[in-house]
Amino acid sequence: MPYVPSQEETKEFISTISDLKVKTMVALMYSSGLRQSEVRMLRYEDIHRKKMRVHIAKSKNRSDRYAILSSSALDLLTKYWSEYDRPTGWLFPKQRDKSRPIDGNYLSRHIHEHERELGWPERITCHSFRHAFGTHLYENGADQKYLGATPGIIQFLHTWNQELLYHVHVHVHMHCIISGGGITPDHKLKRSKASFFIPVHVLRDKFKGKYLAKLQQLYQDKKLYFSDRCKNLTNPRIWDEFLDSLYAKDWCPYIKETFNGFGNAIEYLGRYTHKIAISNSRIISVSETHTSFSARAKRPGEPRHIITVSNEEFIRRFLMHVLPPGFQKIRYYGFLNNRMKSANLKLIFTLQGQIDPTESFF
């Protein structure tokens, strides 16, 4: 797993690079969340100055995509382009052969050279800046570029599917309700823009980076349990390969505005908060040996079907979704965090003029 420098370390590292070409490439990796291979394969026409975005041709999954272009990165690009013979083909060509892009190890070599110049240990890689992009952009909910305030978040863990099987074997599944506004550092209320306040790719990179960093920490602390099917992951080399494969995958957060008001979202998610796996209405019959229950079809439009399993298998499936001690189905973050929730909610209602400031909220 790559080392992710802090915001202060990143700022110091980039600002002190003397080579304009290297500085521009590193700044692009960090500010746009680009891979090293994506930066060195950029062409002049990939920089969209008016729309402030970068076109990535044939990315890792062989499809095109766009990344954001910050104003500071554009300023560096403009300065670099003017001083390096105004390239119109490859944006970062080889010095001796302008018809070819720069070598793959060019950035890695210069990054480690600059670490030595700063007297830092050699731990930053090209991947470090890509991961720092998602981490830093969402590090504070109060990023002025988006909301400018700390939102409230309620998170629900959902582990089952209609057949009572363990849903997280397919993909980690969590539902979150995020407030459409938050509390600013100077204790004021601020609403989000109509277009929401966190881009999907930022949320994706932030969640992936934090989740996998914590997973790696658990592995290093020997707190992960491996069943017989994955005992080979106890081998550090195989674990590193597995973790790299998780970083390489595209994680898929889904963000949408609540449909028909927040009440619908609360009602929908309420189905997962105070029950486990199955409701009584879905149980069709129970005999001395078997249990039958109905399940929704996997594809929309298809009819419901009946599943019959042994009583032991039904109990096994049901108990898979009873959380062990220390696990919580519902968690609260932001201004709803357990330690400050009471005070924050009192402040919000006071600012909205809905309660007397001298009265206790609860």
Protein backbone atom coordinates (compact mmCIF):
# COMPACT_ATOMS: atom_id res chain seq x y z
CA MET A 1 0.00 0.00 0.00
CA PRO A 2 1.47 3.39 -0.94
CA TYR A 3 2.40 5.93 1.68
CA VAL A 4 -0.04 8.86 1.65
CA PRO A 5 1.65 12.16 2.61
CA SER A 6 -0.22 14.74 4.64
CA GLN A 7 -1.49 17.93 3.03
CA GLU A 8 1.42 19.86 4.53
CA GLU A 9 3.97 17.30 3.28
CA THR A 10 2.43 17.31 -0.19
CA LYS A 11 2.46 21.09 -0.40
CA GLU A 12 6.09 21.28 0.73
CA PHE A 13 7.15 18.48 -1.61
CA ILE A 14 5.60 19.98 -4.77
CA SER A 15 6.49 23.61 -4.01
CA THR A 16 10.18 22.79 -3.55
CA ILE A 17 10.64 20.84 -6.81
CA SER A 18 13.02 22.89 -8.96
CA ASP A 19 12.48 21.02 -12.26
CA LEU A 20 9.38 22.59 -13.85
CA LYS A 21 8.57 19.48 -15.89
CA VAL A 22 8.64 17.20 -12.85
CA LYS A 23 6.71 19.71 -10.74
CA THR A 24 3.98 19.96 -13.38
CA MET A 25 3.61 16.18 -13.70
CA VAL A 26 3.50 15.64 -9.92
CA ALA A 27 1.01 18.49 -9.51
CA LEU A 28 -1.25 16.85 -12.11
CA MET A 29 -1.09 13.48 -10.36
CA TYR A 30 -2.07 15.11 -7.08
CA SER A 31 -4.63 17.71 -8.15
CA SER A 32 -6.40 15.53 -10.74
CA GLY A 33 -5.93 12.09 -9.16
CA LEU A 34 -4.05 10.70 -12.16
CA ARG A 35 -1.91 7.60 -12.41
CA GLN A 36 1.72 7.99 -13.45
CA SER A 37 0.98 6.24 -16.74
CA GLU A 38 -1.95 8.58 -17.40
CA VAL A 39 0.16 11.69 -16.86
CA ARG A 40 3.02 10.66 -19.12
CA MET A 41 0.60 9.63 -21.91
CA LEU A 42 -1.20 12.99 -21.96
CA ARG A 43 -1.36 14.84 -25.25
CA TYR A 44 -1.75 18.55 -25.87
CA GLU A 45 -5.42 18.19 -26.90
CA ASP A 46 -6.27 16.34 -23.66
CA ILE A 47 -6.11 19.58 -21.65
CA HIS A 48 -9.51 21.28 -21.82
CA ARG A 49 -8.82 24.75 -20.50
CA LYS A 50 -12.30 26.19 -20.85
CA LYS A 51 -14.04 23.27 -19.15
CA MET A 52 -11.19 22.85 -16.63
CA ARG A 53 -10.84 19.13 -17.11
CA VAL A 54 -8.31 16.57 -18.33
CA HIS A 55 -9.21 13.92 -20.89
CA ILE A 56 -7.73 10.49 -20.09
CA ALA A 57 -7.62 8.30 -23.19
CA LYS A 58 -7.81 4.53 -22.70
CA SER A 59 -7.43 4.50 -18.95
CA LYS A 60 -6.78 1.37 -16.88
CA ASN A 61 -9.98 -0.34 -18.01
CA ARG A 62 -9.34 0.75 -21.62
CA SER A 63 -12.11 3.35 -21.56
CA ASP A 64 -11.87 7.14 -21.75
CA ARG A 65 -12.64 9.34 -18.77
CA TYR A 66 -12.28 12.92 -17.55
CA ALA A 67 -10.56 14.28 -14.45
CA ILE A 68 -10.80 17.71 -12.87
CA LEU A 69 -8.17 20.34 -13.68
CA SER A 70 -7.35 22.78 -10.89
CA SER A 71 -6.46 26.37 -11.63
CA SER A 72 -3.04 26.01 -9.98
CA ALA A 73 -2.24 22.94 -12.11
CA LEU A 74 -3.36 24.83 -15.22
CA ASP A 75 -1.04 27.71 -14.33
CA LEU A 76 1.87 25.29 -14.00
CA LEU A 77 0.92 23.59 -17.27
CA THR A 78 0.81 26.92 -19.09
CA LYS A 79 4.21 27.94 -17.75
CA TYR A 80 5.70 24.52 -18.59
CA TRP A 81 4.23 24.54 -22.09
CA SER A 82 5.68 27.98 -22.83
CA GLU A 83 9.15 27.13 -21.53
CA TYR A 84 9.42 23.64 -23.05
CA ASP A 85 9.01 24.45 -26.77
CA ARG A 86 5.19 24.41 -26.72
CA PRO A 87 4.63 20.69 -27.41
CA THR A 88 1.61 19.94 -29.62
CA GLY A 89 1.84 16.13 -29.58
CA TRP A 90 2.84 14.34 -26.42
CA LEU A 91 2.55 16.83 -23.57
CA PHE A 92 5.57 15.32 -21.80
CA PRO A 93 7.79 13.89 -24.57
CA LYS A 94 11.23 12.35 -24.23
CA GLN A 95 13.98 14.91 -24.39
CA ARG A 96 15.84 13.26 -27.28
CA ASP A 97 12.84 11.89 -29.16
CA LYS A 98 9.80 14.18 -29.17
CA SER A 99 7.72 11.55 -30.98
CA ARG A 100 7.63 9.32 -27.89
CA PRO A 101 6.23 9.95 -24.39
CA ILE A 102 8.56 10.15 -21.42
CA ASP A 103 9.81 6.90 -19.85
CA GLY A 104 7.75 5.14 -17.19
CA ASN A 105 10.46 5.37 -14.50
CA TYR A 106 11.16 9.07 -15.10
CA LEU A 107 8.85 10.36 -12.35
CA SER A 108 9.73 7.67 -9.80
CA ARG A 109 13.43 8.47 -10.17
CA HIS A 110 12.93 12.20 -9.73
CA ILE A 111 10.52 11.76 -6.80
CA HIS A 112 13.09 9.74 -4.84
CA GLU A 113 15.85 12.22 -5.76
CA HIS A 114 13.74 15.05 -4.37
CA GLU A 115 13.04 13.09 -1.18
CA ARG A 116 16.78 12.81 -0.66
CA GLU A 117 17.19 16.54 -1.32
CA LEU A 118 14.63 17.25 1.41
CA GLY A 119 16.24 14.75 3.79
CA TRP A 120 13.08 12.63 3.84
CA PRO A 121 12.97 8.82 3.91
CA GLU A 122 12.22 7.23 0.53
CA ARG A 123 8.56 6.29 0.97
CA ILE A 124 6.65 8.47 -1.51
CA THR A 125 5.74 6.89 -4.85
CA CYS A 126 3.72 8.03 -7.85
CA HIS A 127 0.74 6.18 -6.36
CA SER A 128 1.07 8.28 -3.20
CA PHE A 129 -0.14 11.42 -4.95
CA ARG A 130 -3.10 9.70 -6.58
CA HIS A 131 -4.27 8.35 -3.22
CA ALA A 132 -3.57 11.69 -1.55
CA PHE A 133 -5.89 13.33 -4.09
CA GLY A 134 -9.01 11.57 -2.75
CA THR A 135 -7.89 11.69 0.87
CA HIS A 136 -7.09 15.39 1.04
CA LEU A 137 -9.98 16.58 -1.08
CA TYR A 138 -12.45 15.12 1.38
CA GLU A 139 -10.29 15.19 4.51
CA ASN A 140 -12.32 18.00 5.98
CA GLY A 141 -16.02 18.15 5.26
CA ALA A 142 -15.40 21.89 5.38
CA ASP A 143 -13.60 22.07 2.02
CA GLN A 144 -14.74 25.44 0.64
CA LYS A 145 -14.67 23.99 -2.86
CA TYR A 146 -17.76 21.93 -2.04
CA LEU A 147 -19.88 22.38 1.07
CA GLY A 148 -17.69 24.51 3.31
CA ALA A 149 -19.21 22.89 6.41
CA THR A 150 -19.34 19.60 8.32
CA PRO A 151 -22.43 17.58 7.29
CA GLY A 152 -24.33 15.03 9.35
CA ILE A 153 -24.15 11.39 8.25
CA ILE A 154 -26.15 8.34 9.29
CA GLN A 155 -24.75 5.04 8.02
CA PHE A 156 -26.57 1.70 7.91
CA LEU A 157 -24.87 -1.66 7.44
CA HIS A 158 -26.76 -4.03 5.14
CA THR A 159 -25.45 -7.62 5.08
CA TRP A 160 -28.21 -9.75 3.56
CA ASN A 161 -29.90 -10.35 0.24
CA GLN A 162 -33.37 -11.76 -0.44
CA GLU A 163 -32.14 -15.33 -0.03
CA LEU A 164 -30.59 -14.50 3.39
CA LEU A 165 -27.13 -15.02 1.97
CA TYR A 166 -24.24 -12.88 3.09
CA HIS A 167 -24.52 -9.79 0.92
CA VAL A 168 -20.98 -8.56 1.51
CA HIS A 169 -19.61 -11.60 -0.35
CA VAL A 170 -20.90 -9.82 -3.43
CA HIS A 171 -19.96 -6.30 -2.41
CA VAL A 172 -19.76 -4.24 0.76
CA HIS A 173 -23.18 -2.63 1.01
CA MET A 174 -23.91 0.39 3.15
CA HIS A 175 -26.63 3.01 3.01
CA CYS A 176 -25.91 6.57 4.09
CA ILE A 177 -28.15 9.56 4.65
CA ILE A 178 -26.14 12.77 4.33
CA SER A 179 -27.55 16.13 5.29
CA GLY A 180 -27.99 18.77 2.60
CA GLY A 181 -25.98 21.23 4.65
CA GLY A 182 -23.76 21.48 7.67
CA ILE A 183 -22.14 23.50 10.43
CA THR A 184 -19.33 25.84 9.43
CA PRO A 185 -16.21 26.33 11.61
CA ASP A 186 -17.69 29.62 12.86
CA HIS A 187 -20.88 27.81 13.97
CA LYS A 188 -23.22 28.87 11.19
CA LEU A 189 -25.50 26.83 8.97
CA LYS A 190 -24.68 26.41 5.30
CA ARG A 191 -26.79 24.61 2.72
CA SER A 192 -25.25 22.58 -0.09
CA LYS A 193 -25.54 23.57 -3.72
CA ALA A 194 -28.39 22.16 -5.78
CA SER A 195 -25.85 19.95 -7.57
CA PHE A 196 -24.76 18.37 -4.26
CA PHE A 197 -21.37 18.98 -2.67
CA ILE A 198 -19.10 15.95 -3.06
CA PRO A 199 -18.29 14.58 -6.55
CA VAL A 200 -18.72 10.81 -6.86
CA HIS A 201 -15.06 10.22 -7.75
CA VAL A 202 -13.94 12.07 -4.61
CA LEU A 203 -16.21 9.99 -2.38
CA ARG A 204 -15.04 6.83 -4.14
CA ASP A 205 -11.33 7.54 -3.70
CA LYS A 206 -11.79 8.73 -0.12
CA PHE A 207 -13.77 5.66 0.95
CA LYS A 208 -11.48 3.23 -0.85
CA GLY A 209 -8.34 4.82 0.57
CA LYS A 210 -9.61 4.93 4.15
CA TYR A 211 -11.16 1.45 4.05
CA LEU A 212 -8.08 -0.26 2.63
CA ALA A 213 -5.74 1.66 4.91
CA LYS A 214 -7.68 0.41 7.95
CA LEU A 215 -7.74 -3.10 6.49
CA GLN A 216 -3.97 -3.04 6.11
CA GLN A 217 -3.60 -1.82 9.70
CA LEU A 218 -5.72 -4.71 10.97
CA TYR A 219 -3.56 -7.12 8.98
CA GLN A 220 -0.34 -5.67 10.40
CA ASP A 221 -1.80 -5.87 13.92
CA LYS A 222 -2.76 -9.52 13.26
CA LYS A 223 -6.43 -8.82 14.00
CA LEU A 224 -7.85 -10.35 10.82
CA TYR A 225 -9.30 -13.85 10.88
CA PHE A 226 -8.76 -15.97 7.76
CA SER A 227 -10.95 -18.99 7.08
CA ASP A 228 -9.52 -22.09 5.42
CA ARG A 229 -10.52 -20.79 1.99
CA CYS A 230 -8.24 -17.78 2.30
CA LYS A 231 -5.44 -19.01 4.55
CA ASN A 232 -2.96 -18.16 1.81
CA LEU A 233 -3.51 -14.48 2.61
CA THR A 234 -1.47 -14.95 5.77
CA ASN A 235 1.52 -14.90 3.42
CA PRO A 236 2.61 -11.22 3.31
CA ARG A 237 3.53 -11.39 -0.39
CA ILE A 238 0.14 -12.83 -1.36
CA TRP A 239 -1.60 -10.30 0.92
CA ASP A 240 0.19 -7.40 -0.78
CA GLU A 241 -0.90 -8.72 -4.19
CA PHE A 242 -4.48 -9.07 -2.93
CA LEU A 243 -4.49 -5.53 -1.51
CA ASP A 244 -3.08 -4.16 -4.77
CA SER A 245 -5.91 -5.86 -6.64
CA LEU A 246 -8.45 -4.13 -4.37
CA TYR A 247 -6.83 -0.75 -5.07
CA ALA A 248 -6.95 -1.49 -8.80
CA LYS A 249 -10.69 -2.22 -8.81
CA ASP A 250 -13.24 0.48 -9.58
CA TRP A 251 -15.32 1.06 -6.44
CA CYS A 252 -18.87 2.16 -7.11
CA PRO A 253 -20.55 4.61 -4.73
CA TYR A 254 -24.04 5.70 -5.76
CA ILE A 255 -25.24 9.18 -4.84
CA LYS A 256 -28.73 10.48 -5.44
CA GLU A 257 -31.06 13.08 -4.01
CA THR A 258 -33.74 11.73 -1.73
CA PHE A 259 -36.84 10.92 -3.71
CA ASN A 260 -39.94 12.89 -2.73
CA GLY A 261 -38.37 14.39 0.37
CA PHE A 262 -36.31 12.99 3.22
CA GLY A 263 -39.27 11.10 4.73
CA ASN A 264 -39.16 8.51 1.96
CA ALA A 265 -35.46 7.88 2.57
CA ILE A 266 -36.05 7.40 6.29
CA GLU A 267 -38.93 5.00 5.62
CA TYR A 268 -36.89 3.02 3.06
CA LEU A 269 -33.81 2.67 5.25
CA GLY A 270 -35.97 1.89 8.27
CA ARG A 271 -36.45 -1.55 6.73
CA TYR A 272 -32.81 -2.31 7.48
CA THR A 273 -32.37 -0.68 10.87
CA HIS A 274 -34.65 -2.57 13.23
CA LYS A 275 -35.00 -6.00 11.74
CA ILE A 276 -32.66 -8.79 10.72
CA ALA A 277 -32.69 -10.33 7.26
CA ILE A 278 -36.33 -11.40 6.90
CA SER A 279 -39.84 -10.37 7.96
CA ASN A 280 -42.52 -12.80 9.14
CA SER A 281 -44.66 -12.11 6.07
CA ARG A 282 -42.05 -13.72 3.82
CA ILE A 283 -42.07 -17.04 5.69
CA ILE A 284 -44.45 -19.35 3.81
CA SER A 285 -44.31 -22.52 5.88
CA VAL A 286 -42.33 -24.25 8.62
CA SER A 287 -42.30 -28.02 9.10
CA GLU A 288 -40.33 -30.23 11.43
CA THR A 289 -37.53 -30.44 8.88
CA HIS A 290 -37.79 -27.54 6.41
CA THR A 291 -38.62 -23.84 6.11
CA SER A 292 -39.97 -22.15 2.98
CA PHE A 293 -39.86 -18.42 2.35
CA SER A 294 -40.42 -16.09 -0.57
CA ALA A 295 -37.72 -14.01 -2.24
CA ARG A 296 -37.78 -11.23 -4.77
CA ALA A 297 -36.38 -12.07 -8.20
CA LYS A 298 -32.88 -10.84 -9.00
CA ARG A 299 -34.06 -9.15 -12.20
CA PRO A 300 -36.82 -6.50 -12.29
CA GLY A 301 -40.10 -7.77 -13.68
CA GLU A 302 -39.54 -11.41 -12.85
CA PRO A 303 -41.95 -13.07 -10.35
CA ARG A 304 -41.08 -13.83 -6.76
CA HIS A 305 -39.95 -17.38 -6.07
CA ILE A 306 -40.09 -19.80 -3.15
CA ILE A 307 -36.93 -21.05 -1.45
CA THR A 308 -37.06 -24.18 0.69
CA VAL A 309 -34.14 -25.09 2.95
CA SER A 310 -33.62 -27.29 5.97
CA ASN A 311 -34.36 -25.74 9.34
CA GLU A 312 -30.67 -25.92 10.21
CA GLU A 313 -29.74 -24.09 7.00
CA PHE A 314 -32.41 -21.43 7.61
CA ILE A 315 -31.10 -20.81 11.13
CA ARG A 316 -27.53 -20.71 9.82
CA ARG A 317 -28.43 -18.10 7.20
CA PHE A 318 -30.38 -16.04 9.72
CA LEU A 319 -27.63 -16.03 12.35
CA MET A 320 -25.04 -14.86 9.82
CA HIS A 321 -26.68 -11.44 10.07
CA VAL A 322 -26.72 -11.16 13.85
CA LEU A 323 -23.81 -8.82 14.47
CA PRO A 324 -21.11 -9.93 16.91
CA PRO A 325 -20.28 -7.88 20.03
CA GLY A 326 -18.64 -4.57 19.19
CA PHE A 327 -20.30 -4.23 15.79
CA GLN A 328 -22.99 -1.62 15.20
CA LYS A 329 -25.60 -1.62 12.48
CA ILE A 330 -26.05 2.16 12.64
CA ARG A 331 -23.23 4.68 12.97
CA TYR A 332 -23.27 8.48 13.15
CA TYR A 333 -20.69 10.90 11.80
CA GLY A 334 -20.13 14.62 11.25
CA PHE A 335 -22.35 16.86 13.37
CA LEU A 336 -24.31 13.73 14.38
CA ASN A 337 -21.33 12.02 16.03
CA ASN A 338 -22.32 10.60 19.39
CA ARG A 339 -20.05 12.85 21.48
CA MET A 340 -21.30 16.16 20.06
CA LYS A 341 -24.72 15.28 18.63
CA SER A 342 -26.77 16.82 21.42
CA ALA A 343 -24.91 20.14 21.35
CA ASN A 344 -24.81 20.30 17.56
CA LEU A 345 -28.52 19.59 17.12
CA LYS A 346 -29.35 22.21 19.74
CA LEU A 347 -27.22 24.72 17.82
CA ILE A 348 -28.89 23.84 14.51
CA PHE A 349 -32.40 24.20 15.85
CA THR A 350 -31.44 27.44 17.59
CA LEU A 351 -30.04 28.88 14.37
CA GLN A 352 -33.19 27.86 12.53
CA GLY A 353 -35.27 29.63 15.17
CA GLN A 354 -37.20 26.50 16.06
CA ILE A 355 -36.44 26.35 19.77
CA ASP A 356 -35.66 28.79 22.56
CA PRO A 357 -31.83 29.00 22.92
CA THR A 358 -32.21 28.76 26.70
CA GLU A 359 -34.03 25.44 26.54
CA SER A 360 -32.39 22.04 26.38
CA PHE A 361 -32.91 20.26 23.07
CA PHE A 362 -33.80 16.97 24.70
